Amino acid sequence: MTRPDAVTTIKVSKELRNRISAEAARRHKTAQAFLQELLDEHDRLRRLDAVAIAIASADQPTLDAWRKETALWEAVEGDATGE
């Protein structure tokens, strides 16, 4: 929970404020919770983009090593879940 003295105001247009409020209400969230969720998702997408760029720029031996390691981890996971 945010402390009342830790809250601040940001200046946005009325149109944007209304969009934020409407979407927050649609999701049954406060504007603050909605904006936090939105920024968290934005951060997640940036991380996924970075991974995609790293994979796209990797050379074939690196990709082969990654695939081999992934297969090993999937085998271990299968053992743990009884698959």
C-alpha atoms as a PDB file:
ATOM      1  CA  MET A   1       0.000   0.000   0.000  1.00  0.00           C
ATOM      2  CA  THR A   2       1.327   3.426  -0.885  1.00  0.00           C
ATOM      3  CA  ARG A   3       1.775   5.883   1.951  1.00  0.00           C
ATOM      4  CA  PRO A   4      -0.391   8.996   1.503  1.00  0.00           C
ATOM      5  CA  ASP A   5       2.659  11.255   1.789  1.00  0.00           C
ATOM      6  CA  ALA A   6       4.380   9.276  -1.008  1.00  0.00           C
ATOM      7  CA  VAL A   7       1.693  10.156  -3.570  1.00  0.00           C
ATOM      8  CA  THR A   8       2.242  12.802  -6.210  1.00  0.00           C
ATOM      9  CA  THR A   9       0.351  14.283  -9.123  1.00  0.00           C
ATOM     10  CA  ILE A  10       1.186  13.916 -12.788  1.00  0.00           C
ATOM     11  CA  LYS A  11      -0.115  16.264 -15.435  1.00  0.00           C
ATOM     12  CA  VAL A  12      -1.964  14.622 -18.297  1.00  0.00           C
ATOM     13  CA  SER A  13      -4.664  15.835 -20.627  1.00  0.00           C
ATOM     14  CA  LYS A  14      -8.265  15.393 -19.524  1.00  0.00           C
ATOM     15  CA  GLU A  15      -8.773  13.021 -22.425  1.00  0.00           C
ATOM     16  CA  LEU A  16      -5.917  10.794 -21.242  1.00  0.00           C
ATOM     17  CA  ARG A  17      -7.069  11.000 -17.622  1.00  0.00           C
ATOM     18  CA  ASN A  18     -10.527   9.871 -18.719  1.00  0.00           C
ATOM     19  CA  ARG A  19      -9.086   6.992 -20.743  1.00  0.00           C
ATOM     20  CA  ILE A  20      -7.005   5.864 -17.761  1.00  0.00           C
ATOM     21  CA  SER A  21      -9.984   6.100 -15.414  1.00  0.00           C
ATOM     22  CA  ALA A  22     -12.296   4.256 -17.800  1.00  0.00           C
ATOM     23  CA  GLU A  23      -9.872   1.391 -18.386  1.00  0.00           C
ATOM     24  CA  ALA A  24      -9.046   1.140 -14.683  1.00  0.00           C
ATOM     25  CA  ALA A  25     -12.765   0.958 -13.871  1.00  0.00           C
ATOM     26  CA  ARG A  26     -13.313  -1.665 -16.564  1.00  0.00           C
ATOM     27  CA  ARG A  27     -10.631  -3.789 -14.901  1.00  0.00           C
ATOM     28  CA  HIS A  28     -11.984  -3.056 -11.399  1.00  0.00           C
ATOM     29  CA  LYS A  29      -8.708  -1.393 -10.426  1.00  0.00           C
ATOM     30  CA  THR A  30      -7.608   1.983  -9.188  1.00  0.00           C
ATOM     31  CA  ALA A  31      -5.896   4.269 -11.675  1.00  0.00           C
ATOM     32  CA  GLN A  32      -2.642   3.680  -9.789  1.00  0.00           C
ATOM     33  CA  ALA A  33      -2.991  -0.107  -9.946  1.00  0.00           C
ATOM     34  CA  PHE A  34      -3.869   0.058 -13.644  1.00  0.00           C
ATOM     35  CA  LEU A  35      -0.852   2.254 -14.454  1.00  0.00           C
ATOM     36  CA  GLN A  36       1.422  -0.045 -12.438  1.00  0.00           C
ATOM     37  CA  GLU A  37       0.082  -3.057 -14.355  1.00  0.00           C
ATOM     38  CA  LEU A  38       0.543  -1.218 -17.651  1.00  0.00           C
ATOM     39  CA  LEU A  39       4.156  -0.310 -16.860  1.00  0.00           C
ATOM     40  CA  ASP A  40       4.916  -3.826 -15.617  1.00  0.00           C
ATOM     41  CA  GLU A  41       3.627  -5.231 -18.913  1.00  0.00           C
ATOM     42  CA  HIS A  42       5.662  -2.658 -20.842  1.00  0.00           C
ATOM     43  CA  ASP A  43       8.802  -3.689 -18.926  1.00  0.00           C
ATOM     44  CA  ARG A  44       8.054  -7.367 -19.617  1.00  0.00           C
ATOM     45  CA  LEU A  45       7.687  -6.709 -23.348  1.00  0.00           C
ATOM     46  CA  ARG A  46      10.989  -4.793 -23.382  1.00  0.00           C
ATOM     47  CA  ARG A  47      12.713  -7.780 -21.754  1.00  0.00           C
ATOM     48  CA  LEU A  48      11.164 -10.156 -24.293  1.00  0.00           C
ATOM     49  CA  ASP A  49      12.291  -7.863 -27.124  1.00  0.00           C
ATOM     50  CA  ALA A  50      15.825  -7.950 -25.736  1.00  0.00           C
ATOM     51  CA  VAL A  51      15.734 -11.760 -25.665  1.00  0.00           C
ATOM     52  CA  ALA A  52      14.426 -11.866 -29.242  1.00  0.00           C
ATOM     53  CA  ILE A  53      17.222  -9.549 -30.384  1.00  0.00           C
ATOM     54  CA  ALA A  54      19.819 -11.661 -28.578  1.00  0.00           C
ATOM     55  CA  ILE A  55      18.508 -14.850 -30.160  1.00  0.00           C
ATOM     56  CA  ALA A  56      18.331 -13.284 -33.619  1.00  0.00           C
ATOM     57  CA  SER A  57      21.928 -12.088 -33.355  1.00  0.00           C
ATOM     58  CA  ALA A  58      23.342 -15.350 -31.931  1.00  0.00           C
ATOM     59  CA  ASP A  59      25.591 -17.472 -34.096  1.00  0.00           C
ATOM     60  CA  GLN A  60      24.703 -21.076 -34.928  1.00  0.00           C
ATOM     61  CA  PRO A  61      27.027 -22.754 -32.357  1.00  0.00           C
ATOM     62  CA  THR A  62      25.514 -20.608 -29.598  1.00  0.00           C
ATOM     63  CA  LEU A  63      21.975 -21.476 -30.704  1.00  0.00           C
ATOM     64  CA  ASP A  64      22.870 -25.176 -30.872  1.00  0.00           C
ATOM     65  CA  ALA A  65      24.315 -25.065 -27.344  1.00  0.00           C
ATOM     66  CA  TRP A  66      21.200 -23.250 -26.093  1.00  0.00           C
ATOM     67  CA  ARG A  67      18.906 -25.846 -27.706  1.00  0.00           C
ATOM     68  CA  LYS A  68      20.905 -28.702 -26.175  1.00  0.00           C
ATOM     69  CA  GLU A  69      20.802 -27.150 -22.705  1.00  0.00           C
ATOM     70  CA  THR A  70      17.077 -26.420 -23.040  1.00  0.00           C
ATOM     71  CA  ALA A  71      16.416 -30.035 -24.000  1.00  0.00           C
ATOM     72  CA  LEU A  72      18.329 -31.208 -20.922  1.00  0.00           C
ATOM     73  CA  TRP A  73      16.309 -28.937 -18.634  1.00  0.00           C
ATOM     74  CA  GLU A  74      13.054 -30.101 -20.251  1.00  0.00           C
ATOM     75  CA  ALA A  75      14.076 -33.716 -19.598  1.00  0.00           C
ATOM     76  CA  VAL A  76      14.778 -32.930 -15.944  1.00  0.00           C
ATOM     77  CA  GLU A  77      11.462 -31.096 -15.648  1.00  0.00           C
ATOM     78  CA  GLY A  78       9.676 -34.080 -17.171  1.00  0.00           C
ATOM     79  CA  ASP A  79      11.288 -36.358 -14.582  1.00  0.00           C
ATOM     80  CA  ALA A  80      10.146 -34.066 -11.776  1.00  0.00           C
ATOM     81  CA  THR A  81       6.550 -33.995 -13.008  1.00  0.00           C
ATOM     82  CA  GLY A  82       6.427 -37.724 -13.759  1.00  0.00           C
ATOM     83  CA  GLU A  83       6.021 -37.226 -17.508  1.00  0.00           C
END
